[in-house]
Amino acid sequence: MGLSGEGLDRVAHWELAHVLPKYRGNGLQKFLSEQCFKCLLEEWTDVEHTFATIYPYNIPSLKSTIRYDFVIIGLNNKYGGHLRYILYKPIHGSVPILKMSL
């Protein structure tokens, strides 16, 4: 994304909670996501960018995050060499669509 200096001060790292199997299917991830975004918009008004990292084979987490308009912008080794998707969502506006020619 090319953020540096002051731009990094406007970044939030999106993290949610692991839901135990016996509590899955009750909308807990959705509830937490909605509350987090509400807090960002109302109280953390200086945040402009949100990023998340997700294990590529954690499909439920990936689907949940994409549902909130995050887009995959990369695939890198993080956290000591563990492969992770890097997802991005601007707080205001949308991610520009990249056109590719084949």
PDB file of N, CA and C in Angstrom:
ATOM      1  N   MET A   1       0.815  -1.184   0.000  1.00  0.00           N
ATOM      2  CA  MET A   1       0.000   0.000   0.000  1.00  0.00           C
ATOM      3  C   MET A   1       0.862   1.252   0.000  1.00  0.00           C
ATOM      4  N   GLY A   2       2.107   1.123   0.384  1.00  0.00           N
ATOM      5  CA  GLY A   2       2.988   2.277   0.349  1.00  0.00           C
ATOM      6  C   GLY A   2       2.763   3.283   1.465  1.00  0.00           C
ATOM      7  N   LEU A   3       2.200   2.854   2.586  1.00  0.00           N
ATOM      8  CA  LEU A   3       1.988   3.772   3.704  1.00  0.00           C
ATOM      9  C   LEU A   3       3.277   3.920   4.496  1.00  0.00           C
ATOM     10  N   SER A   4       3.538   5.140   4.929  1.00  0.00           N
ATOM     11  CA  SER A   4       4.703   5.368   5.785  1.00  0.00           C
ATOM     12  C   SER A   4       4.450   6.595   6.648  1.00  0.00           C
ATOM     13  N   GLY A   5       5.255   6.751   7.669  1.00  0.00           N
ATOM     14  CA  GLY A   5       5.185   7.929   8.524  1.00  0.00           C
ATOM     15  C   GLY A   5       3.807   8.184   9.083  1.00  0.00           C
ATOM     16  N   GLU A   6       3.257   9.341   8.753  1.00  0.00           N
ATOM     17  CA  GLU A   6       1.961   9.751   9.275  1.00  0.00           C
ATOM     18  C   GLU A   6       0.836   8.822   8.817  1.00  0.00           C
ATOM     19  N   GLY A   7       0.981   8.234   7.644  1.00  0.00           N
ATOM     20  CA  GLY A   7      -0.031   7.305   7.145  1.00  0.00           C
ATOM     21  C   GLY A   7      -0.196   6.093   8.043  1.00  0.00           C
ATOM     22  N   LEU A   8       0.895   5.640   8.654  1.00  0.00           N
ATOM     23  CA  LEU A   8       0.828   4.484   9.552  1.00  0.00           C
ATOM     24  C   LEU A   8       0.062   4.793  10.833  1.00  0.00           C
ATOM     25  N   ASP A   9       0.009   6.068  11.204  1.00  0.00           N
ATOM     26  CA  ASP A   9      -0.751   6.470  12.390  1.00  0.00           C
ATOM     27  C   ASP A   9      -2.257   6.370  12.161  1.00  0.00           C
ATOM     28  N   ARG A  10      -2.662   6.162  10.928  1.00  0.00           N
ATOM     29  CA  ARG A  10      -4.088   6.098  10.590  1.00  0.00           C
ATOM     30  C   ARG A  10      -4.514   4.681  10.200  1.00  0.00           C
ATOM     31  N   VAL A  11      -3.789   3.688  10.698  1.00  0.00           N
ATOM     32  CA  VAL A  11      -4.049   2.288  10.363  1.00  0.00           C
ATOM     33  C   VAL A  11      -4.567   1.525  11.583  1.00  0.00           C
ATOM     34  N   ALA A  12      -5.599   0.715  11.354  1.00  0.00           N
ATOM     35  CA  ALA A  12      -6.094  -0.201  12.380  1.00  0.00           C
ATOM     36  C   ALA A  12      -5.879  -1.620  11.871  1.00  0.00           C
ATOM     37  N   HIS A  13      -5.435  -2.500  12.751  1.00  0.00           N
ATOM     38  CA  HIS A  13      -5.292  -3.907  12.394  1.00  0.00           C
ATOM     39  C   HIS A  13      -6.527  -4.633  12.885  1.00  0.00           C
ATOM     40  N   TRP A  14      -7.255  -5.230  11.956  1.00  0.00           N
ATOM     41  CA  TRP A  14      -8.532  -5.883  12.238  1.00  0.00           C
ATOM     42  C   TRP A  14      -8.298  -7.249  12.866  1.00  0.00           C
ATOM     43  N   GLU A  15      -8.760  -7.417  14.061  1.00  0.00           N
ATOM     44  CA  GLU A  15      -8.661  -8.701  14.768  1.00  0.00           C
ATOM     45  C   GLU A  15     -10.004  -9.006  15.394  1.00  0.00           C
ATOM     46  N   LEU A  16     -10.422 -10.219  15.293  1.00  0.00           N
ATOM     47  CA  LEU A  16     -11.638 -10.647  15.980  1.00  0.00           C
ATOM     48  C   LEU A  16     -11.292 -11.836  16.860  1.00  0.00           C
ATOM     49  N   ALA A  17     -12.293 -12.485  17.343  1.00  0.00           N
ATOM     50  CA  ALA A  17     -12.091 -13.569  18.295  1.00  0.00           C
ATOM     51  C   ALA A  17     -12.335 -14.926  17.643  1.00  0.00           C
ATOM     52  N   HIS A  18     -11.707 -15.923  18.193  1.00  0.00           N
ATOM     53  CA  HIS A  18     -11.983 -17.304  17.805  1.00  0.00           C
ATOM     54  C   HIS A  18     -13.258 -17.729  18.516  1.00  0.00           C
ATOM     55  N   VAL A  19     -14.189 -18.288  17.777  1.00  0.00           N
ATOM     56  CA  VAL A  19     -15.451 -18.740  18.362  1.00  0.00           C
ATOM     57  C   VAL A  19     -15.387 -20.249  18.552  1.00  0.00           C
ATOM     58  N   LEU A  20     -15.623 -20.697  19.772  1.00  0.00           N
ATOM     59  CA  LEU A  20     -15.623 -22.134  20.065  1.00  0.00           C
ATOM     60  C   LEU A  20     -16.684 -22.845  19.232  1.00  0.00           C
ATOM     61  N   PRO A  21     -16.383 -24.068  18.806  1.00  0.00           N
ATOM     62  CA  PRO A  21     -17.319 -24.796  17.933  1.00  0.00           C
ATOM     63  C   PRO A  21     -18.755 -24.860  18.464  1.00  0.00           C
ATOM     64  N   LYS A  22     -18.933 -25.025  19.752  1.00  0.00           N
ATOM     65  CA  LYS A  22     -20.301 -25.162  20.268  1.00  0.00           C
ATOM     66  C   LYS A  22     -21.097 -23.853  20.194  1.00  0.00           C
ATOM     67  N   TYR A  23     -20.410 -22.700  19.964  1.00  0.00           N
ATOM     68  CA  TYR A  23     -21.096 -21.415  19.871  1.00  0.00           C
ATOM     69  C   TYR A  23     -21.177 -20.882  18.440  1.00  0.00           C
ATOM     70  N   ARG A  24     -20.616 -21.626  17.488  1.00  0.00           N
ATOM     71  CA  ARG A  24     -20.642 -21.179  16.091  1.00  0.00           C
ATOM     72  C   ARG A  24     -22.065 -21.240  15.547  1.00  0.00           C
ATOM     73  N   GLY A  25     -22.327 -20.393  14.554  1.00  0.00           N
ATOM     74  CA  GLY A  25     -23.653 -20.362  13.946  1.00  0.00           C
ATOM     75  C   GLY A  25     -24.626 -19.438  14.659  1.00  0.00           C
ATOM     76  N   ASN A  26     -24.140 -18.695  15.647  1.00  0.00           N
ATOM     77  CA  ASN A  26     -25.001 -17.773  16.389  1.00  0.00           C
ATOM     78  C   ASN A  26     -24.762 -16.305  16.031  1.00  0.00           C
ATOM     79  N   GLY A  27     -23.975 -16.062  15.000  1.00  0.00           N
ATOM     80  CA  GLY A  27     -23.756 -14.690  14.546  1.00  0.00           C
ATOM     81  C   GLY A  27     -22.785 -13.887  15.394  1.00  0.00           C
ATOM     82  N   LEU A  28     -21.922 -14.557  16.169  1.00  0.00           N
ATOM     83  CA  LEU A  28     -21.003 -13.825  17.042  1.00  0.00           C
ATOM     84  C   LEU A  28     -19.977 -13.023  16.248  1.00  0.00           C
ATOM     85  N   GLN A  29     -19.421 -13.605  15.183  1.00  0.00           N
ATOM     86  CA  GLN A  29     -18.452 -12.868  14.360  1.00  0.00           C
ATOM     87  C   GLN A  29     -19.119 -11.632  13.746  1.00  0.00           C
ATOM     88  N   LYS A  30     -20.340 -11.795  13.262  1.00  0.00           N
ATOM     89  CA  LYS A  30     -21.065 -10.671  12.662  1.00  0.00           C
ATOM     90  C   LYS A  30     -21.295  -9.576  13.697  1.00  0.00           C
ATOM     91  N   PHE A  31     -21.738  -9.956  14.886  1.00  0.00           N
ATOM     92  CA  PHE A  31     -21.979  -8.986  15.952  1.00  0.00           C
ATOM     93  C   PHE A  31     -20.705  -8.230  16.312  1.00  0.00           C
ATOM     94  N   LEU A  32     -19.605  -8.970  16.488  1.00  0.00           N
ATOM     95  CA  LEU A  32     -18.333  -8.331  16.825  1.00  0.00           C
ATOM     96  C   LEU A  32     -17.859  -7.395  15.723  1.00  0.00           C
ATOM     97  N   SER A  33     -18.005  -7.817  14.477  1.00  0.00           N
ATOM     98  CA  SER A  33     -17.604  -6.967  13.347  1.00  0.00           C
ATOM     99  C   SER A  33     -18.395  -5.674  13.326  1.00  0.00           C
ATOM    100  N   GLU A  34     -19.688  -5.779  13.498  1.00  0.00           N
ATOM    101  CA  GLU A  34     -20.529  -4.585  13.481  1.00  0.00           C
ATOM    102  C   GLU A  34     -20.157  -3.625  14.610  1.00  0.00           C
ATOM    103  N   GLN A  35     -19.888  -4.159  15.787  1.00  0.00           N
ATOM    104  CA  GLN A  35     -19.519  -3.310  16.923  1.00  0.00           C
ATOM    105  C   GLN A  35     -18.158  -2.652  16.701  1.00  0.00           C
ATOM    106  N   CYS A  36     -17.222  -3.394  16.138  1.00  0.00           N
ATOM    107  CA  CYS A  36     -15.890  -2.841  15.875  1.00  0.00           C
ATOM    108  C   CYS A  36     -15.952  -1.705  14.852  1.00  0.00           C
ATOM    109  N   PHE A  37     -16.695  -1.906  13.760  1.00  0.00           N
ATOM    110  CA  PHE A  37     -16.810  -0.848  12.765  1.00  0.00           C
ATOM    111  C   PHE A  37     -17.543   0.367  13.322  1.00  0.00           C
ATOM    112  N   LYS A  38     -18.545   0.145  14.137  1.00  0.00           N
ATOM    113  CA  LYS A  38     -19.254   1.260  14.765  1.00  0.00           C
ATOM    114  C   LYS A  38     -18.290   2.078  15.616  1.00  0.00           C
ATOM    115  N   CYS A  39     -17.459   1.399  16.389  1.00  0.00           N
ATOM    116  CA  CYS A  39     -16.467   2.072  17.231  1.00  0.00           C
ATOM    117  C   CYS A  39     -15.470   2.849  16.366  1.00  0.00           C
ATOM    118  N   LEU A  40     -14.988   2.239  15.293  1.00  0.00           N
ATOM    119  CA  LEU A  40     -14.041   2.929  14.405  1.00  0.00           C
ATOM    120  C   LEU A  40     -14.645   4.210  13.837  1.00  0.00           C
ATOM    121  N   LEU A  41     -15.866   4.121  13.373  1.00  0.00           N
ATOM    122  CA  LEU A  41     -16.497   5.287  12.746  1.00  0.00           C
ATOM    123  C   LEU A  41     -16.844   6.387  13.742  1.00  0.00           C
ATOM    124  N   GLU A  42     -17.235   6.000  14.944  1.00  0.00           N
ATOM    125  CA  GLU A  42     -17.702   6.995  15.919  1.00  0.00           C
ATOM    126  C   GLU A  42     -16.599   7.531  16.827  1.00  0.00           C
ATOM    127  N   GLU A  43     -15.634   6.699  17.178  1.00  0.00           N
ATOM    128  CA  GLU A  43     -14.669   7.093  18.201  1.00  0.00           C
ATOM    129  C   GLU A  43     -13.238   7.226  17.696  1.00  0.00           C
ATOM    130  N   TRP A  44     -12.868   6.507  16.689  1.00  0.00           N
ATOM    131  CA  TRP A  44     -11.494   6.545  16.176  1.00  0.00           C
ATOM    132  C   TRP A  44     -11.504   7.237  14.822  1.00  0.00           C
ATOM    133  N   THR A  45     -11.893   8.481  14.808  1.00  0.00           N
ATOM    134  CA  THR A  45     -12.135   9.194  13.563  1.00  0.00           C
ATOM    135  C   THR A  45     -10.871   9.448  12.740  1.00  0.00           C
ATOM    136  N   ASP A  46      -9.698   9.281  13.335  1.00  0.00           N
ATOM    137  CA  ASP A  46      -8.465   9.498  12.579  1.00  0.00           C
ATOM    138  C   ASP A  46      -8.028   8.260  11.793  1.00  0.00           C
ATOM    139  N   VAL A  47      -8.655   7.107  12.021  1.00  0.00           N
ATOM    140  CA  VAL A  47      -8.287   5.879  11.302  1.00  0.00           C
ATOM    141  C   VAL A  47      -8.849   5.933   9.887  1.00  0.00           C
ATOM    142  N   GLU A  48      -7.990   5.682   8.905  1.00  0.00           N
ATOM    143  CA  GLU A  48      -8.390   5.701   7.501  1.00  0.00           C
ATOM    144  C   GLU A  48      -8.269   4.350   6.820  1.00  0.00           C
ATOM    145  N   HIS A  49      -7.438   3.466   7.365  1.00  0.00           N
ATOM    146  CA  HIS A  49      -7.159   2.184   6.717  1.00  0.00           C
ATOM    147  C   HIS A  49      -7.291   1.049   7.729  1.00  0.00           C
ATOM    148  N   THR A  50      -7.835  -0.077   7.286  1.00  0.00           N
ATOM    149  CA  THR A  50      -7.847  -1.276   8.123  1.00  0.00           C
ATOM    150  C   THR A  50      -7.212  -2.424   7.342  1.00  0.00           C
ATOM    151  N   PHE A  51      -6.411  -3.191   8.045  1.00  0.00           N
ATOM    152  CA  PHE A  51      -5.760  -4.355   7.474  1.00  0.00           C
ATOM    153  C   PHE A  51      -6.060  -5.574   8.328  1.00  0.00           C
ATOM    154  N   ALA A  52      -6.084  -6.727   7.711  1.00  0.00           N
ATOM    155  CA  ALA A  52      -6.268  -7.980   8.433  1.00  0.00           C
ATOM    156  C   ALA A  52      -5.348  -9.027   7.820  1.00  0.00           C
ATOM    157  N   THR A  53      -4.974 -10.008   8.607  1.00  0.00           N
ATOM    158  CA  THR A  53      -4.223 -11.156   8.102  1.00  0.00           C
ATOM    159  C   THR A  53      -5.026 -12.403   8.428  1.00  0.00           C
ATOM    160  N   ILE A  54      -5.099 -13.321   7.462  1.00  0.00           N
ATOM    161  CA  ILE A  54      -5.890 -14.538   7.641  1.00  0.00           C
ATOM    162  C   ILE A  54      -5.152 -15.725   7.038  1.00  0.00           C
ATOM    163  N   TYR A  55      -5.140 -16.812   7.779  1.00  0.00           N
ATOM    164  CA  TYR A  55      -4.595 -18.073   7.286  1.00  0.00           C
ATOM    165  C   TYR A  55      -5.395 -18.483   6.048  1.00  0.00           C
ATOM    166  N   PRO A  56      -4.717 -18.776   4.934  1.00  0.00           N
ATOM    167  CA  PRO A  56      -5.422 -19.042   3.678  1.00  0.00           C
ATOM    168  C   PRO A  56      -6.464 -20.161   3.733  1.00  0.00           C
ATOM    169  N   TYR A  57      -6.294 -21.133   4.609  1.00  0.00           N
ATOM    170  CA  TYR A  57      -7.246 -22.243   4.667  1.00  0.00           C
ATOM    171  C   TYR A  57      -8.319 -22.055   5.732  1.00  0.00           C
ATOM    172  N   ASN A  58      -8.361 -20.879   6.347  1.00  0.00           N
ATOM    173  CA  ASN A  58      -9.421 -20.573   7.306  1.00  0.00           C
ATOM    174  C   ASN A  58     -10.561 -19.914   6.526  1.00  0.00           C
ATOM    175  N   ILE A  59     -11.289 -20.739   5.811  1.00  0.00           N
ATOM    176  CA  ILE A  59     -12.330 -20.255   4.909  1.00  0.00           C
ATOM    177  C   ILE A  59     -13.434 -19.487   5.641  1.00  0.00           C
ATOM    178  N   PRO A  60     -13.937 -19.962   6.781  1.00  0.00           N
ATOM    179  CA  PRO A  60     -14.980 -19.181   7.471  1.00  0.00           C
ATOM    180  C   PRO A  60     -14.515 -17.770   7.838  1.00  0.00           C
ATOM    181  N   SER A  61     -13.299 -17.635   8.332  1.00  0.00           N
ATOM    182  CA  SER A  61     -12.783 -16.319   8.691  1.00  0.00           C
ATOM    183  C   SER A  61     -12.591 -15.452   7.447  1.00  0.00           C
ATOM    184  N   LEU A  62     -12.102 -16.051   6.390  1.00  0.00           N
ATOM    185  CA  LEU A  62     -11.901 -15.328   5.137  1.00  0.00           C
ATOM    186  C   LEU A  62     -13.241 -14.825   4.591  1.00  0.00           C
ATOM    187  N   LYS A  63     -14.244 -15.689   4.575  1.00  0.00           N
ATOM    188  CA  LYS A  63     -15.572 -15.292   4.092  1.00  0.00           C
ATOM    189  C   LYS A  63     -16.168 -14.189   4.961  1.00  0.00           C
ATOM    190  N   SER A  64     -16.005 -14.310   6.260  1.00  0.00           N
ATOM    191  CA  SER A  64     -16.535 -13.315   7.185  1.00  0.00           C
ATOM    192  C   SER A  64     -15.892 -11.954   6.955  1.00  0.00           C
ATOM    193  N   THR A  65     -14.599 -11.934   6.747  1.00  0.00           N
ATOM    194  CA  THR A  65     -13.876 -10.675   6.552  1.00  0.00           C
ATOM    195  C   THR A  65     -14.207 -10.045   5.203  1.00  0.00           C
ATOM    196  N   ILE A  66     -14.298 -10.851   4.168  1.00  0.00           N
ATOM    197  CA  ILE A  66     -14.651 -10.346   2.836  1.00  0.00           C
ATOM    198  C   ILE A  66     -16.084  -9.804   2.834  1.00  0.00           C
ATOM    199  N   ARG A  67     -16.940 -10.395   3.636  1.00  0.00           N
ATOM    200  CA  ARG A  67     -18.326  -9.919   3.744  1.00  0.00           C
ATOM    201  C   ARG A  67     -18.377  -8.448   4.169  1.00  0.00           C
ATOM    202  N   TYR A  68     -17.366  -7.991   4.874  1.00  0.00           N
ATOM    203  CA  TYR A  68     -17.303  -6.595   5.321  1.00  0.00           C
ATOM    204  C   TYR A  68     -16.440  -5.747   4.406  1.00  0.00           C
ATOM    205  N   ASP A  69     -16.399  -6.122   3.137  1.00  0.00           N
ATOM    206  CA  ASP A  69     -15.765  -5.335   2.071  1.00  0.00           C
ATOM    207  C   ASP A  69     -14.249  -5.250   2.152  1.00  0.00           C
ATOM    208  N   PHE A  70     -13.610  -6.168   2.861  1.00  0.00           N
ATOM    209  CA  PHE A  70     -12.152  -6.273   2.775  1.00  0.00           C
ATOM    210  C   PHE A  70     -11.816  -6.964   1.464  1.00  0.00           C
ATOM    211  N   VAL A  71     -10.681  -6.612   0.888  1.00  0.00           N
ATOM    212  CA  VAL A  71     -10.206  -7.284  -0.317  1.00  0.00           C
ATOM    213  C   VAL A  71      -8.803  -7.829  -0.062  1.00  0.00           C
ATOM    214  N   ILE A  72      -8.508  -8.938  -0.688  1.00  0.00           N
ATOM    215  CA  ILE A  72      -7.177  -9.537  -0.567  1.00  0.00           C
ATOM    216  C   ILE A  72      -6.212  -8.719  -1.420  1.00  0.00           C
ATOM    217  N   ILE A  73      -5.146  -8.237  -0.792  1.00  0.00           N
ATOM    218  CA  ILE A  73      -4.156  -7.448  -1.536  1.00  0.00           C
ATOM    219  C   ILE A  73      -2.803  -8.140  -1.590  1.00  0.00           C
ATOM    220  N   GLY A  74      -2.674  -9.273  -0.907  1.00  0.00           N
ATOM    221  CA  GLY A  74      -1.397  -9.966  -0.943  1.00  0.00           C
ATOM    222  C   GLY A  74      -1.446 -11.300  -0.214  1.00  0.00           C
ATOM    223  N   LEU A  75      -0.393 -12.049  -0.399  1.00  0.00           N
ATOM    224  CA  LEU A  75      -0.182 -13.319   0.284  1.00  0.00           C
ATOM    225  C   LEU A  75       1.287 -13.350   0.685  1.00  0.00           C
ATOM    226  N   ASN A  76       1.552 -13.285   1.990  1.00  0.00           N
ATOM    227  CA  ASN A  76       2.929 -13.173   2.481  1.00  0.00           C
ATOM    228  C   ASN A  76       3.149 -14.088   3.671  1.00  0.00           C
ATOM    229  N   ASN A  77       4.411 -14.331   3.954  1.00  0.00           N
ATOM    230  CA  ASN A  77       4.773 -15.024   5.180  1.00  0.00           C
ATOM    231  C   ASN A  77       4.809 -14.001   6.313  1.00  0.00           C
ATOM    232  N   LYS A  78       4.089 -14.285   7.375  1.00  0.00           N
ATOM    233  CA  LYS A  78       4.014 -13.416   8.552  1.00  0.00           C
ATOM    234  C   LYS A  78       4.197 -14.268   9.794  1.00  0.00           C
ATOM    235  N   TYR A  79       4.405 -13.598  10.924  1.00  0.00           N
ATOM    236  CA  TYR A  79       4.420 -14.270  12.227  1.00  0.00           C
ATOM    237  C   TYR A  79       5.365 -15.471  12.243  1.00  0.00           C
ATOM    238  N   GLY A  80       6.598 -15.245  11.860  1.00  0.00           N
ATOM    239  CA  GLY A  80       7.588 -16.305  11.901  1.00  0.00           C
ATOM    240  C   GLY A  80       7.498 -17.284  10.743  1.00  0.00           C
ATOM    241  N   GLY A  81       7.059 -16.831   9.590  1.00  0.00           N
ATOM    242  CA  GLY A  81       7.042 -17.675   8.401  1.00  0.00           C
ATOM    243  C   GLY A  81       5.717 -18.345   8.098  1.00  0.00           C
ATOM    244  N   HIS A  82       4.641 -17.931   8.750  1.00  0.00           N
ATOM    245  CA  HIS A  82       3.328 -18.525   8.487  1.00  0.00           C
ATOM    246  C   HIS A  82       2.638 -17.772   7.354  1.00  0.00           C
ATOM    247  N   LEU A  83       2.149 -18.517   6.375  1.00  0.00           N
ATOM    248  CA  LEU A  83       1.503 -17.927   5.213  1.00  0.00           C
ATOM    249  C   LEU A  83       0.177 -17.275   5.617  1.00  0.00           C
ATOM    250  N   ARG A  84      -0.022 -16.034   5.179  1.00  0.00           N
ATOM    251  CA  ARG A  84      -1.233 -15.291   5.507  1.00  0.00           C
ATOM    252  C   ARG A  84      -1.672 -14.432   4.324  1.00  0.00           C
ATOM    253  N   TYR A  85      -2.995 -14.385   4.097  1.00  0.00           N
ATOM    254  CA  TYR A  85      -3.545 -13.387   3.197  1.00  0.00           C
ATOM    255  C   TYR A  85      -3.482 -12.045   3.913  1.00  0.00           C
ATOM    256  N   ILE A  86      -3.192 -10.993   3.166  1.00  0.00           N
ATOM    257  CA  ILE A  86      -3.251  -9.631   3.674  1.00  0.00           C
ATOM    258  C   ILE A  86      -4.502  -9.018   3.042  1.00  0.00           C
ATOM    259  N   LEU A  87      -5.405  -8.547   3.886  1.00  0.00           N
ATOM    260  CA  LEU A  87      -6.647  -7.944   3.411  1.00  0.00           C
ATOM    261  C   LEU A  87      -6.684  -6.472   3.800  1.00  0.00           C
ATOM    262  N   TYR A  88      -7.373  -5.686   2.990  1.00  0.00           N
ATOM    263  CA  TYR A  88      -7.420  -4.238   3.192  1.00  0.00           C
ATOM    264  C   TYR A  88      -8.841  -3.722   3.003  1.00  0.00           C
ATOM    265  N   LYS A  89      -9.183  -2.716   3.803  1.00  0.00           N
ATOM    266  CA  LYS A  89     -10.438  -1.996   3.639  1.00  0.00           C
ATOM    267  C   LYS A  89     -10.226  -0.551   4.075  1.00  0.00           C
ATOM    268  N   PRO A  90     -10.526   0.409   3.187  1.00  0.00           N
ATOM    269  CA  PRO A  90     -10.483   1.798   3.621  1.00  0.00           C
ATOM    270  C   PRO A  90     -11.713   2.082   4.482  1.00  0.00           C
ATOM    271  N   ILE A  91     -11.569   2.952   5.450  1.00  0.00           N
ATOM    272  CA  ILE A  91     -12.706   3.295   6.306  1.00  0.00           C
ATOM    273  C   ILE A  91     -13.742   4.093   5.511  1.00  0.00           C
ATOM    274  N   HIS A  92     -13.294   4.995   4.677  1.00  0.00           N
ATOM    275  CA  HIS A  92     -14.201   5.810   3.866  1.00  0.00           C
ATOM    276  C   HIS A  92     -13.919   5.521   2.402  1.00  0.00           C
ATOM    277  N   GLY A  93     -14.932   5.251   1.634  1.00  0.00           N
ATOM    278  CA  GLY A  93     -14.742   4.961   0.218  1.00  0.00           C
ATOM    279  C   GLY A  93     -14.611   3.473  -0.013  1.00  0.00           C
ATOM    280  N   SER A  94     -14.084   3.144  -1.164  1.00  0.00           N
ATOM    281  CA  SER A  94     -13.919   1.741  -1.531  1.00  0.00           C
ATOM    282  C   SER A  94     -12.552   1.538  -2.158  1.00  0.00           C
ATOM    283  N   VAL A  95     -12.185   0.284  -2.305  1.00  0.00           N
ATOM    284  CA  VAL A  95     -10.902  -0.062  -2.906  1.00  0.00           C
ATOM    285  C   VAL A  95     -11.048   0.054  -4.414  1.00  0.00           C
ATOM    286  N   PRO A  96     -10.124   0.746  -5.070  1.00  0.00           N
ATOM    287  CA  PRO A  96     -10.217   0.848  -6.534  1.00  0.00           C
ATOM    288  C   PRO A  96     -10.053  -0.522  -7.186  1.00  0.00           C
ATOM    289  N   ILE A  97     -10.805  -0.744  -8.232  1.00  0.00           N
ATOM    290  CA  ILE A  97     -10.718  -2.004  -8.978  1.00  0.00           C
ATOM    291  C   ILE A  97      -9.517  -1.910  -9.928  1.00  0.00           C
ATOM    292  N   LEU A  98      -8.694  -2.926  -9.893  1.00  0.00           N
ATOM    293  CA  LEU A  98      -7.527  -2.965 -10.769  1.00  0.00           C
ATOM    294  C   LEU A  98      -7.896  -3.684 -12.069  1.00  0.00           C
ATOM    295  N   LYS A  99      -7.579  -3.092 -13.190  1.00  0.00           N
ATOM    296  CA  LYS A  99      -7.839  -3.725 -14.479  1.00  0.00           C
ATOM    297  C   LYS A  99      -6.571  -4.419 -14.920  1.00  0.00           C
ATOM    298  N   MET A 100      -6.741  -5.657 -15.345  1.00  0.00           N
ATOM    299  CA  MET A 100      -5.594  -6.440 -15.801  1.00  0.00           C
ATOM    300  C   MET A 100      -5.832  -6.859 -17.247  1.00  0.00           C
ATOM    301  N   SER A 101      -4.781  -6.848 -18.036  1.00  0.00           N
ATOM    302  CA  SER A 101      -4.911  -7.358 -19.394  1.00  0.00           C
ATOM    303  C   SER A 101      -4.191  -8.699 -19.471  1.00  0.00           C
ATOM    304  N   LEU A 102      -4.733  -9.588 -20.228  1.00  0.00           N
ATOM    305  CA  LEU A 102      -4.147 -10.930 -20.348  1.00  0.00           C
ATOM    306  C   LEU A 102      -3.413 -11.074 -21.650  1.00  0.00           C
TER     307      LEU A 102
END
